[in-house]
Amino acid sequence: MVESRFVALWNRCFADAEGEGPATIYVDLVRRYSEPHRRYHTCDHIAHCLKQFDLAADLMDNCDAVEMGLWFHDAIYEPGAADNELESAQLFEEITNDQQSLLKQSVYDLIMVTKHPEHPKCLDEKFMVDIDLSSFALPWGVFIQDSQAVREEFSHLPDERFFAGHLKFLNSLVRRPTFFFTDFFQTRYEAIARKNIARYMKDLHANGYS
C-alpha cells in the first residue's frame, strides 16, 4: 500500500470533499488493516488486490471506482461478523458524507459486492469479485499460508465449526459455472484456483472435516 497512490486516487475522485484530507484517511486505513486480530485481511491483501487491479484496469468501465472500492472493502473486519461489508461501505459513506455522486454510489455498491453474491450485476462488480478472490490462484505454498492466516483470524472457533463453515463457502464458489466472472481472470487463473481448492478440500475431507 502506497500513500501517494491513494492520495492521487482520492484527489481524482473527491478533490472537493470536505473533512479529513486523503493523507489522514490513508493513515486511518493502514491502522485498520494493521489491527492485531487480522492475519489475512491486512495491508498485504490490499496490496495483492491492487496488483491484480493494475493488470486489468484498462478493461473496466470505471477503474477509479473499482480501485477505491478495493481500498475500503475490508476496512471494517471482525471475524465471523455478517455485516463487515456493510460496515466498510458505511465507513466510506461517512468519510464522503458531503458528496452525492454516481461515483460514490458505485464505490458503495462495489464494496458490498465483496459479500460474493452468485451474480454480480455489472462488469466492474465482476472485476471487484474476481480481484478479491484472485488469491485462490496463488502458488500452492502461498495459498496454504493464506488459508492458515484465515484460520488464525477465527482462532476463537473450534476446528470442527470453522472448517464446516469454510467448506460450505468453498463449495459455493466451486459449484458456480465459472469460479471467476470475467474473461480476463478466467483465462489467467480459473484452472489453478480450482486445482488449489480441490486439493485443499480433499485434504480437509481426509482429516475428517465435512
N, C-alpha and C. Protein backbone atom coordinates (compact mmCIF):
# COMPACT_ATOMS: atom_id res chain seq x y z
N MET A 1 0.85 -1.19 0.00
CA MET A 1 0.00 0.00 0.00
C MET A 1 0.88 1.25 0.00
N VAL A 2 0.61 2.14 -0.92
CA VAL A 2 1.45 3.32 -1.11
C VAL A 2 0.59 4.56 -0.91
N GLU A 3 1.01 5.42 0.00
CA GLU A 3 0.21 6.60 0.32
C GLU A 3 -0.01 7.49 -0.90
N SER A 4 1.04 7.72 -1.69
CA SER A 4 0.92 8.63 -2.82
C SER A 4 -0.12 8.12 -3.82
N ARG A 5 -0.23 6.81 -3.94
CA ARG A 5 -1.22 6.24 -4.85
C ARG A 5 -2.63 6.54 -4.36
N PHE A 6 -2.85 6.32 -3.07
CA PHE A 6 -4.19 6.58 -2.51
C PHE A 6 -4.52 8.07 -2.60
N VAL A 7 -3.58 8.92 -2.28
CA VAL A 7 -3.83 10.37 -2.31
C VAL A 7 -4.19 10.81 -3.73
N ALA A 8 -3.47 10.30 -4.72
CA ALA A 8 -3.77 10.67 -6.11
C ALA A 8 -5.16 10.18 -6.51
N LEU A 9 -5.51 8.96 -6.12
CA LEU A 9 -6.84 8.42 -6.42
C LEU A 9 -7.93 9.27 -5.76
N TRP A 10 -7.74 9.58 -4.48
CA TRP A 10 -8.74 10.37 -3.76
C TRP A 10 -8.93 11.74 -4.40
N ASN A 11 -7.83 12.34 -4.80
CA ASN A 11 -7.92 13.66 -5.41
C ASN A 11 -8.59 13.61 -6.78
N ARG A 12 -8.44 12.51 -7.50
CA ARG A 12 -9.16 12.37 -8.76
C ARG A 12 -10.66 12.23 -8.54
N CYS A 13 -11.02 11.55 -7.47
CA CYS A 13 -12.43 11.21 -7.24
C CYS A 13 -13.16 12.22 -6.38
N PHE A 14 -12.50 12.72 -5.33
CA PHE A 14 -13.18 13.53 -4.33
C PHE A 14 -12.35 14.75 -3.92
N ALA A 15 -11.80 15.43 -4.90
CA ALA A 15 -10.93 16.57 -4.61
C ALA A 15 -11.65 17.66 -3.83
N ASP A 16 -12.98 17.77 -4.01
CA ASP A 16 -13.74 18.85 -3.37
C ASP A 16 -14.38 18.41 -2.06
N ALA A 17 -14.09 17.19 -1.62
CA ALA A 17 -14.72 16.70 -0.39
C ALA A 17 -14.26 17.50 0.82
N GLU A 18 -15.19 17.75 1.71
CA GLU A 18 -14.85 18.42 2.96
C GLU A 18 -14.36 17.37 3.96
N GLY A 19 -13.86 17.83 5.09
CA GLY A 19 -13.43 16.91 6.13
C GLY A 19 -11.97 16.55 5.99
N GLU A 20 -11.62 15.38 6.49
CA GLU A 20 -10.23 14.96 6.53
C GLU A 20 -9.65 14.82 5.12
N GLY A 21 -8.37 15.15 5.01
CA GLY A 21 -7.70 15.02 3.73
C GLY A 21 -7.30 13.58 3.46
N PRO A 22 -6.91 13.29 2.23
CA PRO A 22 -6.60 11.91 1.85
C PRO A 22 -5.43 11.30 2.61
N ALA A 23 -4.45 12.09 2.99
CA ALA A 23 -3.32 11.54 3.75
C ALA A 23 -3.79 11.02 5.11
N THR A 24 -4.69 11.75 5.73
CA THR A 24 -5.24 11.32 7.03
C THR A 24 -6.10 10.08 6.87
N ILE A 25 -6.89 10.03 5.81
CA ILE A 25 -7.73 8.86 5.54
C ILE A 25 -6.85 7.64 5.29
N TYR A 26 -5.77 7.83 4.55
CA TYR A 26 -4.85 6.73 4.28
C TYR A 26 -4.26 6.17 5.58
N VAL A 27 -3.83 7.06 6.46
CA VAL A 27 -3.26 6.62 7.74
C VAL A 27 -4.28 5.81 8.53
N ASP A 28 -5.53 6.24 8.51
CA ASP A 28 -6.57 5.51 9.22
C ASP A 28 -6.81 4.14 8.60
N LEU A 29 -6.78 4.05 7.27
CA LEU A 29 -6.95 2.76 6.61
C LEU A 29 -5.82 1.81 6.98
N VAL A 30 -4.59 2.30 6.96
CA VAL A 30 -3.45 1.46 7.33
C VAL A 30 -3.60 0.98 8.77
N ARG A 31 -4.04 1.86 9.65
CA ARG A 31 -4.27 1.47 11.04
C ARG A 31 -5.29 0.35 11.13
N ARG A 32 -6.37 0.48 10.37
CA ARG A 32 -7.41 -0.54 10.41
C ARG A 32 -6.90 -1.88 9.87
N TYR A 33 -6.19 -1.83 8.75
CA TYR A 33 -5.70 -3.08 8.15
C TYR A 33 -4.55 -3.69 8.95
N SER A 34 -4.04 -2.96 9.92
CA SER A 34 -2.96 -3.46 10.78
C SER A 34 -3.45 -3.90 12.15
N GLU A 35 -4.75 -3.97 12.35
CA GLU A 35 -5.30 -4.38 13.64
C GLU A 35 -4.77 -5.76 14.03
N PRO A 36 -4.51 -5.97 15.32
CA PRO A 36 -3.82 -7.19 15.75
C PRO A 36 -4.59 -8.48 15.51
N HIS A 37 -5.93 -8.41 15.38
CA HIS A 37 -6.69 -9.64 15.16
C HIS A 37 -6.68 -10.08 13.70
N ARG A 38 -6.13 -9.27 12.82
CA ARG A 38 -6.09 -9.62 11.40
C ARG A 38 -4.85 -10.45 11.09
N ARG A 39 -5.04 -11.44 10.24
CA ARG A 39 -3.93 -12.25 9.75
C ARG A 39 -3.91 -12.32 8.23
N TYR A 40 -5.09 -12.37 7.64
CA TYR A 40 -5.22 -12.40 6.18
C TYR A 40 -5.73 -11.07 5.64
N HIS A 41 -6.74 -10.50 6.26
CA HIS A 41 -7.35 -9.27 5.78
C HIS A 41 -6.53 -8.06 6.23
N THR A 42 -5.33 -7.97 5.69
CA THR A 42 -4.33 -7.00 6.11
C THR A 42 -3.93 -6.08 4.96
N CYS A 43 -2.94 -5.25 5.22
CA CYS A 43 -2.38 -4.42 4.15
C CYS A 43 -1.85 -5.27 3.00
N ASP A 44 -1.34 -6.44 3.30
CA ASP A 44 -0.83 -7.31 2.25
C ASP A 44 -1.94 -7.75 1.30
N HIS A 45 -3.12 -8.01 1.85
CA HIS A 45 -4.25 -8.38 0.99
C HIS A 45 -4.62 -7.23 0.07
N ILE A 46 -4.65 -6.02 0.58
CA ILE A 46 -4.96 -4.87 -0.26
C ILE A 46 -3.88 -4.68 -1.33
N ALA A 47 -2.62 -4.86 -0.95
CA ALA A 47 -1.53 -4.74 -1.92
C ALA A 47 -1.68 -5.77 -3.03
N HIS A 48 -2.04 -7.00 -2.66
CA HIS A 48 -2.28 -8.04 -3.66
C HIS A 48 -3.43 -7.63 -4.59
N CYS A 49 -4.52 -7.14 -4.02
CA CYS A 49 -5.66 -6.73 -4.83
C CYS A 49 -5.29 -5.61 -5.79
N LEU A 50 -4.50 -4.66 -5.33
CA LEU A 50 -4.11 -3.55 -6.19
C LEU A 50 -3.20 -4.02 -7.32
N LYS A 51 -2.37 -5.02 -7.04
CA LYS A 51 -1.52 -5.59 -8.09
C LYS A 51 -2.37 -6.24 -9.17
N GLN A 52 -3.38 -6.99 -8.77
CA GLN A 52 -4.28 -7.61 -9.74
C GLN A 52 -5.11 -6.56 -10.47
N PHE A 53 -5.53 -5.55 -9.74
CA PHE A 53 -6.27 -4.44 -10.36
C PHE A 53 -5.47 -3.82 -11.49
N ASP A 54 -4.19 -3.59 -11.25
CA ASP A 54 -3.36 -2.94 -12.26
C ASP A 54 -3.29 -3.75 -13.55
N LEU A 55 -3.40 -5.05 -13.45
CA LEU A 55 -3.34 -5.91 -14.63
C LEU A 55 -4.57 -5.75 -15.52
N ALA A 56 -5.70 -5.39 -14.90
CA ALA A 56 -6.97 -5.40 -15.64
C ALA A 56 -7.66 -4.05 -15.71
N ALA A 57 -7.06 -3.01 -15.16
CA ALA A 57 -7.75 -1.71 -15.04
C ALA A 57 -8.25 -1.19 -16.38
N ASP A 58 -7.50 -1.41 -17.44
CA ASP A 58 -7.89 -0.88 -18.75
C ASP A 58 -9.16 -1.52 -19.29
N LEU A 59 -9.57 -2.64 -18.71
CA LEU A 59 -10.75 -3.35 -19.19
C LEU A 59 -12.02 -2.94 -18.44
N MET A 60 -11.88 -2.11 -17.41
CA MET A 60 -13.01 -1.76 -16.55
C MET A 60 -13.74 -0.55 -17.09
N ASP A 61 -15.00 -0.43 -16.70
CA ASP A 61 -15.79 0.73 -17.09
C ASP A 61 -15.39 1.97 -16.30
N ASN A 62 -15.17 1.80 -14.99
CA ASN A 62 -14.75 2.91 -14.14
C ASN A 62 -13.69 2.39 -13.18
N CYS A 63 -12.46 2.42 -13.63
CA CYS A 63 -11.39 1.82 -12.84
C CYS A 63 -11.15 2.56 -11.53
N ASP A 64 -11.39 3.87 -11.49
CA ASP A 64 -11.20 4.60 -10.23
C ASP A 64 -12.19 4.13 -9.17
N ALA A 65 -13.41 3.85 -9.57
CA ALA A 65 -14.41 3.36 -8.62
C ALA A 65 -13.99 2.00 -8.08
N VAL A 66 -13.52 1.12 -8.96
CA VAL A 66 -13.08 -0.21 -8.53
C VAL A 66 -11.90 -0.09 -7.57
N GLU A 67 -10.92 0.75 -7.92
CA GLU A 67 -9.76 0.89 -7.05
C GLU A 67 -10.16 1.45 -5.68
N MET A 68 -11.04 2.43 -5.67
CA MET A 68 -11.48 2.99 -4.39
C MET A 68 -12.20 1.91 -3.58
N GLY A 69 -13.01 1.11 -4.24
CA GLY A 69 -13.69 0.03 -3.55
C GLY A 69 -12.71 -0.96 -2.94
N LEU A 70 -11.63 -1.25 -3.63
CA LEU A 70 -10.63 -2.18 -3.11
C LEU A 70 -9.97 -1.63 -1.85
N TRP A 71 -9.66 -0.36 -1.84
CA TRP A 71 -9.03 0.24 -0.66
C TRP A 71 -9.91 0.11 0.58
N PHE A 72 -11.23 0.18 0.39
CA PHE A 72 -12.14 0.23 1.54
C PHE A 72 -12.83 -1.09 1.83
N HIS A 73 -12.72 -2.10 0.98
CA HIS A 73 -13.67 -3.22 1.06
C HIS A 73 -13.53 -4.05 2.34
N ASP A 74 -12.36 -4.06 2.97
CA ASP A 74 -12.19 -4.76 4.24
C ASP A 74 -11.78 -3.81 5.36
N ALA A 75 -12.13 -2.55 5.22
CA ALA A 75 -11.71 -1.56 6.23
C ALA A 75 -12.25 -1.92 7.61
N ILE A 76 -13.46 -2.44 7.66
CA ILE A 76 -14.03 -2.96 8.90
C ILE A 76 -14.01 -4.48 8.79
N TYR A 77 -13.35 -5.12 9.74
CA TYR A 77 -13.29 -6.58 9.68
C TYR A 77 -13.25 -7.17 11.08
N GLU A 78 -14.33 -7.85 11.42
CA GLU A 78 -14.41 -8.63 12.64
C GLU A 78 -14.72 -10.07 12.23
N PRO A 79 -13.83 -11.01 12.52
CA PRO A 79 -14.04 -12.39 12.06
C PRO A 79 -15.40 -12.93 12.46
N GLY A 80 -16.11 -13.44 11.47
CA GLY A 80 -17.41 -14.04 11.72
C GLY A 80 -18.58 -13.09 11.66
N ALA A 81 -18.33 -11.78 11.67
CA ALA A 81 -19.43 -10.82 11.62
C ALA A 81 -20.09 -10.85 10.25
N ALA A 82 -21.41 -10.76 10.24
CA ALA A 82 -22.15 -10.82 8.98
C ALA A 82 -22.23 -9.48 8.27
N ASP A 83 -21.81 -8.40 8.94
CA ASP A 83 -22.01 -7.07 8.37
C ASP A 83 -20.70 -6.33 8.11
N ASN A 84 -19.60 -7.06 7.93
CA ASN A 84 -18.32 -6.39 7.67
C ASN A 84 -18.38 -5.53 6.41
N GLU A 85 -18.96 -6.07 5.35
CA GLU A 85 -19.02 -5.33 4.10
C GLU A 85 -19.89 -4.08 4.25
N LEU A 86 -21.02 -4.25 4.92
CA LEU A 86 -21.91 -3.10 5.15
C LEU A 86 -21.21 -2.05 6.00
N GLU A 87 -20.54 -2.47 7.05
CA GLU A 87 -19.83 -1.52 7.91
C GLU A 87 -18.72 -0.80 7.13
N SER A 88 -18.03 -1.52 6.27
CA SER A 88 -16.97 -0.91 5.46
C SER A 88 -17.56 0.09 4.48
N ALA A 89 -18.67 -0.29 3.84
CA ALA A 89 -19.33 0.62 2.90
C ALA A 89 -19.84 1.86 3.61
N GLN A 90 -20.37 1.69 4.81
CA GLN A 90 -20.87 2.83 5.56
C GLN A 90 -19.75 3.73 6.04
N LEU A 91 -18.60 3.14 6.37
CA LEU A 91 -17.44 3.96 6.72
C LEU A 91 -17.05 4.85 5.54
N PHE A 92 -16.98 4.26 4.35
CA PHE A 92 -16.69 5.06 3.16
C PHE A 92 -17.73 6.15 2.97
N GLU A 93 -18.99 5.81 3.18
CA GLU A 93 -20.07 6.77 3.01
C GLU A 93 -19.92 7.92 4.00
N GLU A 94 -19.55 7.62 5.24
CA GLU A 94 -19.37 8.65 6.25
C GLU A 94 -18.23 9.59 5.89
N ILE A 95 -17.13 9.04 5.40
CA ILE A 95 -15.98 9.85 5.05
C ILE A 95 -16.30 10.80 3.91
N THR A 96 -17.18 10.37 3.03
CA THR A 96 -17.57 11.20 1.87
C THR A 96 -18.97 11.76 2.07
N ASN A 97 -19.32 12.12 3.30
CA ASN A 97 -20.71 12.45 3.62
C ASN A 97 -21.23 13.69 2.91
N ASP A 98 -20.35 14.55 2.43
CA ASP A 98 -20.81 15.75 1.74
C ASP A 98 -20.90 15.56 0.24
N GLN A 99 -20.58 14.37 -0.22
CA GLN A 99 -20.56 14.09 -1.65
C GLN A 99 -21.82 13.32 -2.05
N GLN A 100 -22.44 13.73 -3.13
CA GLN A 100 -23.56 12.99 -3.71
C GLN A 100 -23.25 12.81 -5.19
N SER A 101 -22.89 11.61 -5.57
CA SER A 101 -22.49 11.38 -6.95
C SER A 101 -22.69 9.93 -7.32
N LEU A 102 -22.74 9.67 -8.61
CA LEU A 102 -22.82 8.30 -9.09
C LEU A 102 -21.57 7.52 -8.72
N LEU A 103 -20.42 8.21 -8.68
CA LEU A 103 -19.18 7.54 -8.30
C LEU A 103 -19.26 7.03 -6.88
N LYS A 104 -19.76 7.86 -5.97
CA LYS A 104 -19.87 7.44 -4.58
C LYS A 104 -20.76 6.22 -4.45
N GLN A 105 -21.91 6.23 -5.13
CA GLN A 105 -22.82 5.09 -5.08
C GLN A 105 -22.17 3.85 -5.67
N SER A 106 -21.42 4.04 -6.75
CA SER A 106 -20.74 2.90 -7.38
C SER A 106 -19.73 2.27 -6.42
N VAL A 107 -18.95 3.09 -5.73
CA VAL A 107 -17.97 2.56 -4.78
C VAL A 107 -18.68 1.81 -3.66
N TYR A 108 -19.75 2.39 -3.15
CA TYR A 108 -20.54 1.73 -2.10
C TYR A 108 -20.99 0.35 -2.58
N ASP A 109 -21.54 0.28 -3.78
CA ASP A 109 -22.02 -0.99 -4.32
C ASP A 109 -20.89 -1.98 -4.55
N LEU A 110 -19.74 -1.48 -4.96
CA LEU A 110 -18.58 -2.35 -5.20
C LEU A 110 -18.06 -2.94 -3.90
N ILE A 111 -18.09 -2.18 -2.83
CA ILE A 111 -17.70 -2.73 -1.52
C ILE A 111 -18.68 -3.83 -1.12
N MET A 112 -19.96 -3.58 -1.30
CA MET A 112 -20.98 -4.53 -0.90
C MET A 112 -20.91 -5.83 -1.70
N VAL A 113 -20.44 -5.76 -2.93
CA VAL A 113 -20.41 -6.97 -3.76
C VAL A 113 -19.36 -7.96 -3.27
N THR A 114 -18.45 -7.53 -2.39
CA THR A 114 -17.48 -8.48 -1.84
C THR A 114 -18.10 -9.40 -0.79
N LYS A 115 -19.42 -9.32 -0.60
CA LYS A 115 -20.14 -10.38 0.10
C LYS A 115 -20.25 -11.62 -0.78
N HIS A 116 -19.90 -11.45 -2.06
CA HIS A 116 -19.83 -12.53 -3.04
C HIS A 116 -21.18 -13.17 -3.35
N PRO A 117 -22.08 -12.36 -3.91
CA PRO A 117 -23.32 -12.93 -4.43
C PRO A 117 -23.02 -13.81 -5.63
N GLU A 118 -23.96 -14.61 -6.00
CA GLU A 118 -23.72 -15.53 -7.11
C GLU A 118 -23.64 -14.81 -8.45
N HIS A 119 -24.29 -13.66 -8.56
CA HIS A 119 -24.35 -13.00 -9.86
C HIS A 119 -24.13 -11.49 -9.70
N PRO A 120 -22.88 -11.04 -9.75
CA PRO A 120 -22.62 -9.59 -9.77
C PRO A 120 -23.37 -8.95 -10.93
N LYS A 121 -23.78 -7.70 -10.75
CA LYS A 121 -24.72 -7.09 -11.69
C LYS A 121 -24.06 -6.47 -12.91
N CYS A 122 -22.82 -6.03 -12.79
CA CYS A 122 -22.21 -5.31 -13.91
C CYS A 122 -20.74 -5.69 -14.02
N LEU A 123 -20.10 -5.21 -15.09
CA LEU A 123 -18.72 -5.59 -15.36
C LEU A 123 -17.79 -5.24 -14.22
N ASP A 124 -17.88 -4.02 -13.70
CA ASP A 124 -16.96 -3.62 -12.63
C ASP A 124 -17.18 -4.43 -11.36
N GLU A 125 -18.42 -4.79 -11.06
CA GLU A 125 -18.67 -5.66 -9.91
C GLU A 125 -18.04 -7.04 -10.14
N LYS A 126 -18.07 -7.53 -11.36
CA LYS A 126 -17.43 -8.81 -11.67
C LYS A 126 -15.92 -8.72 -11.45
N PHE A 127 -15.32 -7.63 -11.88
CA PHE A 127 -13.89 -7.45 -11.65
C PHE A 127 -13.59 -7.34 -10.15
N MET A 128 -14.44 -6.66 -9.42
CA MET A 128 -14.23 -6.50 -7.98
C MET A 128 -14.22 -7.86 -7.29
N VAL A 129 -15.18 -8.69 -7.61
CA VAL A 129 -15.25 -10.03 -7.02
C VAL A 129 -14.04 -10.87 -7.43
N ASP A 130 -13.70 -10.82 -8.70
CA ASP A 130 -12.57 -11.63 -9.19
C ASP A 130 -11.26 -11.22 -8.53
N ILE A 131 -11.05 -9.94 -8.39
CA ILE A 131 -9.82 -9.47 -7.75
C ILE A 131 -9.77 -9.92 -6.30
N ASP A 132 -10.88 -9.80 -5.60
CA ASP A 132 -10.92 -10.18 -4.19
C ASP A 132 -10.62 -11.67 -4.01
N LEU A 133 -11.02 -12.49 -4.98
CA LEU A 133 -10.83 -13.94 -4.88
C LEU A 133 -9.58 -14.44 -5.61
N SER A 134 -8.83 -13.54 -6.20
CA SER A 134 -7.69 -13.98 -7.03
C SER A 134 -6.60 -14.67 -6.24
N SER A 135 -6.55 -14.47 -4.93
CA SER A 135 -5.52 -15.14 -4.13
C SER A 135 -5.72 -16.66 -4.11
N PHE A 136 -6.90 -17.13 -4.46
CA PHE A 136 -7.10 -18.58 -4.56
C PHE A 136 -6.24 -19.20 -5.66
N ALA A 137 -5.72 -18.39 -6.55
CA ALA A 137 -4.90 -18.89 -7.64
C ALA A 137 -3.41 -18.64 -7.43
N LEU A 138 -3.02 -18.28 -6.23
CA LEU A 138 -1.60 -18.12 -5.93
C LEU A 138 -0.91 -19.48 -5.87
N PRO A 139 0.41 -19.53 -5.96
CA PRO A 139 1.11 -20.81 -5.84
C PRO A 139 0.72 -21.54 -4.57
N TRP A 140 0.76 -22.86 -4.61
CA TRP A 140 0.21 -23.68 -3.53
C TRP A 140 0.75 -23.29 -2.15
N GLY A 141 2.04 -23.06 -2.05
CA GLY A 141 2.61 -22.70 -0.75
C GLY A 141 2.03 -21.43 -0.19
N VAL A 142 1.82 -20.44 -1.04
CA VAL A 142 1.23 -19.17 -0.61
C VAL A 142 -0.26 -19.37 -0.30
N PHE A 143 -0.91 -20.17 -1.11
CA PHE A 143 -2.32 -20.50 -0.87
C PHE A 143 -2.51 -21.09 0.52
N ILE A 144 -1.64 -22.00 0.90
CA ILE A 144 -1.73 -22.63 2.22
C ILE A 144 -1.44 -21.61 3.32
N GLN A 145 -0.47 -20.75 3.11
CA GLN A 145 -0.18 -19.71 4.10
C GLN A 145 -1.40 -18.81 4.30
N ASP A 146 -2.06 -18.44 3.21
CA ASP A 146 -3.26 -17.62 3.31
C ASP A 146 -4.38 -18.37 4.04
N SER A 147 -4.52 -19.64 3.73
CA SER A 147 -5.55 -20.44 4.39
C SER A 147 -5.30 -20.52 5.89
N GLN A 148 -4.05 -20.69 6.27
CA GLN A 148 -3.70 -20.73 7.69
C GLN A 148 -3.94 -19.38 8.35
N ALA A 149 -3.68 -18.29 7.61
CA ALA A 149 -3.92 -16.95 8.15
C ALA A 149 -5.40 -16.73 8.41
N VAL A 150 -6.26 -17.19 7.48
CA VAL A 150 -7.70 -17.08 7.69
C VAL A 150 -8.11 -17.89 8.92
N ARG A 151 -7.54 -19.09 9.05
CA ARG A 151 -7.88 -19.91 10.22
C ARG A 151 -7.49 -19.20 11.51
N GLU A 152 -6.35 -18.51 11.53
CA GLU A 152 -5.90 -17.80 12.72
C GLU A 152 -6.84 -16.66 13.08
N GLU A 153 -7.48 -16.05 12.09
CA GLU A 153 -8.44 -14.99 12.38
C GLU A 153 -9.67 -15.54 13.11
N PHE A 154 -9.91 -16.82 12.96
CA PHE A 154 -11.05 -17.46 13.61
C PHE A 154 -10.60 -18.38 14.73
N SER A 155 -9.54 -17.98 15.43
CA SER A 155 -8.98 -18.84 16.47
C SER A 155 -9.96 -19.08 17.61
N HIS A 156 -10.99 -18.25 17.70
CA HIS A 156 -11.98 -18.43 18.75
C HIS A 156 -12.93 -19.59 18.46
N LEU A 157 -12.89 -20.12 17.23
CA LEU A 157 -13.77 -21.23 16.86
C LEU A 157 -13.02 -22.55 16.90
N PRO A 158 -13.67 -23.64 17.34
CA PRO A 158 -13.03 -24.96 17.25
C PRO A 158 -12.91 -25.38 15.79
N ASP A 159 -11.97 -26.27 15.51
CA ASP A 159 -11.73 -26.70 14.14
C ASP A 159 -12.99 -27.20 13.45
N GLU A 160 -13.77 -27.99 14.15
CA GLU A 160 -14.94 -28.59 13.53
C GLU A 160 -15.91 -27.52 13.01
N ARG A 161 -16.12 -26.51 13.81
CA ARG A 161 -17.05 -25.46 13.41
C ARG A 161 -16.46 -24.59 12.30
N PHE A 162 -15.18 -24.25 12.44
CA PHE A 162 -14.57 -23.39 11.42
C PHE A 162 -14.54 -24.08 10.07
N PHE A 163 -14.02 -25.29 10.02
CA PHE A 163 -13.84 -25.95 8.72
C PHE A 163 -15.17 -26.34 8.08
N ALA A 164 -16.20 -26.59 8.89
CA ALA A 164 -17.52 -26.85 8.31
C ALA A 164 -18.02 -25.62 7.56
N GLY A 165 -17.88 -24.45 8.19
CA GLY A 165 -18.29 -23.21 7.54
C GLY A 165 -17.43 -22.87 6.34
N HIS A 166 -16.13 -23.12 6.48
CA HIS A 166 -15.21 -22.81 5.38
C HIS A 166 -15.47 -23.70 4.19
N LEU A 167 -15.72 -24.96 4.42
CA LEU A 167 -16.03 -25.87 3.32
C LEU A 167 -17.33 -25.47 2.62
N LYS A 168 -18.29 -25.01 3.39
CA LYS A 168 -19.54 -24.55 2.80
C LYS A 168 -19.30 -23.36 1.87
N PHE A 169 -18.45 -22.43 2.30
CA PHE A 169 -18.12 -21.28 1.47
C PHE A 169 -17.38 -21.71 0.21
N LEU A 170 -16.39 -22.59 0.36
CA LEU A 170 -15.64 -23.05 -0.80
C LEU A 170 -16.53 -23.79 -1.79
N ASN A 171 -17.43 -24.60 -1.27
CA ASN A 171 -18.36 -25.31 -2.16
C ASN A 171 -19.23 -24.35 -2.94
N SER A 172 -19.64 -23.25 -2.31
CA SER A 172 -20.47 -22.27 -3.01
C SER A 172 -19.71 -21.63 -4.16
N LEU A 173 -18.39 -21.54 -4.03
CA LEU A 173 -17.57 -20.96 -5.10
C LEU A 173 -17.33 -21.94 -6.23
N VAL A 174 -16.97 -23.16 -5.90
CA VAL A 174 -16.59 -24.11 -6.96
C VAL A 174 -17.80 -24.66 -7.70
N ARG A 175 -18.99 -24.53 -7.13
CA ARG A 175 -20.19 -25.01 -7.82
C ARG A 175 -20.73 -24.02 -8.84
N ARG A 176 -20.15 -22.82 -8.87
CA ARG A 176 -20.56 -21.87 -9.89
C ARG A 176 -20.10 -22.36 -11.26
N PRO A 177 -20.80 -21.98 -12.32
CA PRO A 177 -20.36 -22.39 -13.66
C PRO A 177 -18.91 -22.02 -13.95
N THR A 178 -18.51 -20.84 -13.50
CA THR A 178 -17.12 -20.44 -13.55
C THR A 178 -16.75 -19.85 -12.20
N PHE A 179 -15.53 -20.09 -11.77
CA PHE A 179 -15.08 -19.55 -10.49
C PHE A 179 -14.96 -18.04 -10.58
N PHE A 180 -14.37 -17.57 -11.69
CA PHE A 180 -14.24 -16.13 -11.93
C PHE A 180 -15.29 -15.69 -12.93
N PHE A 181 -15.67 -14.41 -12.84
CA PHE A 181 -16.77 -13.89 -13.66
C PHE A 181 -16.30 -13.20 -14.93
N THR A 182 -15.06 -12.74 -14.98
CA THR A 182 -14.58 -12.03 -16.16
C THR A 182 -13.69 -12.94 -17.00
N ASP A 183 -13.71 -12.71 -18.30
CA ASP A 183 -12.85 -13.49 -19.20
C ASP A 183 -11.39 -13.35 -18.81
N PHE A 184 -11.01 -12.15 -18.39
CA PHE A 184 -9.61 -11.90 -18.05
C PHE A 184 -9.14 -12.83 -16.94
N PHE A 185 -9.88 -12.90 -15.85
CA PHE A 185 -9.45 -13.72 -14.72
C PHE A 185 -9.72 -15.21 -14.97
N GLN A 186 -10.73 -15.52 -15.74
CA GLN A 186 -10.94 -16.91 -16.10
C GLN A 186 -9.75 -17.45 -16.87
N THR A 187 -9.28 -16.69 -17.83
CA THR A 187 -8.15 -17.14 -18.67
C THR A 187 -6.88 -17.28 -17.85
N ARG A 188 -6.63 -16.35 -16.95
CA ARG A 188 -5.39 -16.36 -16.18
C ARG A 188 -5.39 -17.36 -15.03
N TYR A 189 -6.53 -17.47 -14.33
CA TYR A 189 -6.50 -18.10 -13.02
C TYR A 189 -7.53 -19.20 -12.76
N GLU A 190 -8.48 -19.39 -13.65
CA GLU A 190 -9.57 -20.34 -13.36
C GLU A 190 -9.05 -21.73 -13.02
N ALA A 191 -8.17 -22.26 -13.86
CA ALA A 191 -7.72 -23.65 -13.67
C ALA A 191 -6.94 -23.82 -12.37
N ILE A 192 -6.03 -22.91 -12.08
CA ILE A 192 -5.19 -23.07 -10.89
C ILE A 192 -6.01 -22.84 -9.62
N ALA A 193 -6.97 -21.91 -9.65
CA ALA A 193 -7.82 -21.70 -8.47
C ALA A 193 -8.62 -22.95 -8.15
N ARG A 194 -9.21 -23.54 -9.17
CA ARG A 194 -9.99 -24.76 -8.95
C ARG A 194 -9.09 -25.92 -8.48
N LYS A 195 -7.91 -26.00 -9.02
CA LYS A 195 -6.98 -27.05 -8.61
C LYS A 195 -6.58 -26.88 -7.15
N ASN A 196 -6.25 -25.65 -6.76
CA ASN A 196 -5.88 -25.38 -5.36
C ASN A 196 -7.01 -25.74 -4.40
N ILE A 197 -8.21 -25.29 -4.73
CA ILE A 197 -9.34 -25.52 -3.84
C ILE A 197 -9.66 -27.01 -3.75
N ALA A 198 -9.63 -27.71 -4.89
CA ALA A 198 -9.91 -29.15 -4.87
C ALA A 198 -8.89 -29.88 -4.00
N ARG A 199 -7.63 -29.51 -4.11
CA ARG A 199 -6.59 -30.15 -3.31
C ARG A 199 -6.79 -29.85 -1.83
N TYR A 200 -7.12 -28.62 -1.52
CA TYR A 200 -7.33 -28.21 -0.13
C TYR A 200 -8.54 -28.91 0.47
N MET A 201 -9.63 -28.96 -0.28
CA MET A 201 -10.83 -29.62 0.22
C MET A 201 -10.60 -31.12 0.39
N LYS A 202 -9.85 -31.72 -0.49
CA LYS A 202 -9.52 -33.14 -0.36
C LYS A 202 -8.75 -33.39 0.93
N ASP A 203 -7.81 -32.50 1.23
CA ASP A 203 -7.04 -32.64 2.49
C ASP A 203 -7.95 -32.50 3.70
N LEU A 204 -8.88 -31.55 3.65
CA LEU A 204 -9.80 -31.37 4.78
C LEU A 204 -10.69 -32.60 4.96
N HIS A 205 -11.20 -33.12 3.87
CA HIS A 205 -12.04 -34.32 3.96
C HIS A 205 -11.23 -35.50 4.51
N ALA A 206 -9.97 -35.60 4.10
CA ALA A 206 -9.12 -36.69 4.58
C ALA A 206 -8.88 -36.60 6.07
N ASN A 207 -8.96 -35.37 6.60
CA ASN A 207 -8.77 -35.17 8.04
C ASN A 207 -10.09 -35.20 8.80
N GLY A 208 -11.16 -35.60 8.12
CA GLY A 208 -12.42 -35.85 8.79
C GLY A 208 -13.38 -34.70 8.83
N TYR A 209 -13.08 -33.62 8.12
CA TYR A 209 -13.99 -32.46 8.11
C TYR A 209 -14.95 -32.57 6.94
N SER A 210 -16.18 -32.16 7.16
CA SER A 210 -17.18 -32.25 6.09
C SER A 210 -18.17 -31.10 6.22
